[in-house]
Amino acid sequence: MESLNYSISMAGTAAFAITAVLAVAPRGIDLFGVCVLGIVTAIGGGTLRDVILNVPVFWAADMNYIWVALAASVAAFLAQSLFTRKEMFALLLYIDGLAGALFAIQAADKVLALQFGLPLAPILLAIITAIGGGLIRDVLAGRQNLLMSREIYAVPVLFGSTLFVVAMAYIPQHRSLAGISCVLAIFAFRAAAIHWHWCIPDCLSTGPKTD
């Protein structure tokens, strides 16, 4: 599971860095700005998690995370001209969903291993890790963040991380299988929400109308 966790972390790091480039590409930002935003987006959620856990910040102990984020940012910057603005927005949503799924389960597993704040902390910190980088990205890019919209954004992470915590309580011997299955479940849920435009009901719009 340790090697799987490391691979998941690296994949999530690259994916989040790419979303940062896609978020600002239509504005014509320069390569330096893209690299800074990509790195901040890639490590933001995990940094918040480790600060809360009061453990060494993950990227300070392994600079490969920074190098992967940097390489992914540069690659996405060079490839962005191959896509239209509509295609880049769609890619942003799907890759953000994949990165969130990868980071959520990796975070939940780390919190469970530390026995921190059981049983709720693994779920809460999975959500913070999964959406933290994206929130920072959207604030810095001047975009409306997905959490404050009616998009089904954090709900898939809540579902998948809860499923993982329950699985670890009853079938801890199948840790790797449960981790992969929950990553796929989160991404499938989020991808379905994007494809079919599922939204959270707007409760405020159901009240009586006045002339």
Foldseek 3Di string as FASTA:
>chain_A
DVVLLVVLLLLLLLLQLLLLCLLQVVVPDDLVVSLVLQLCLSQQLQQVLCVVVVHPRVCVVPVVSSVSSNVSSVVSNVCVVVDDNVVSVVSSQLSLQLSLLSQLLSQLVVCVVVVPPPPCVSLVSSLSSSCRSQVVSCVVSVHDGPVPFQQPRSVLSSVLSVQLSVCCVPPVVCNVVSSVVSSVSSSVVSVVCVVVVDGHDDPVVPDDDDD
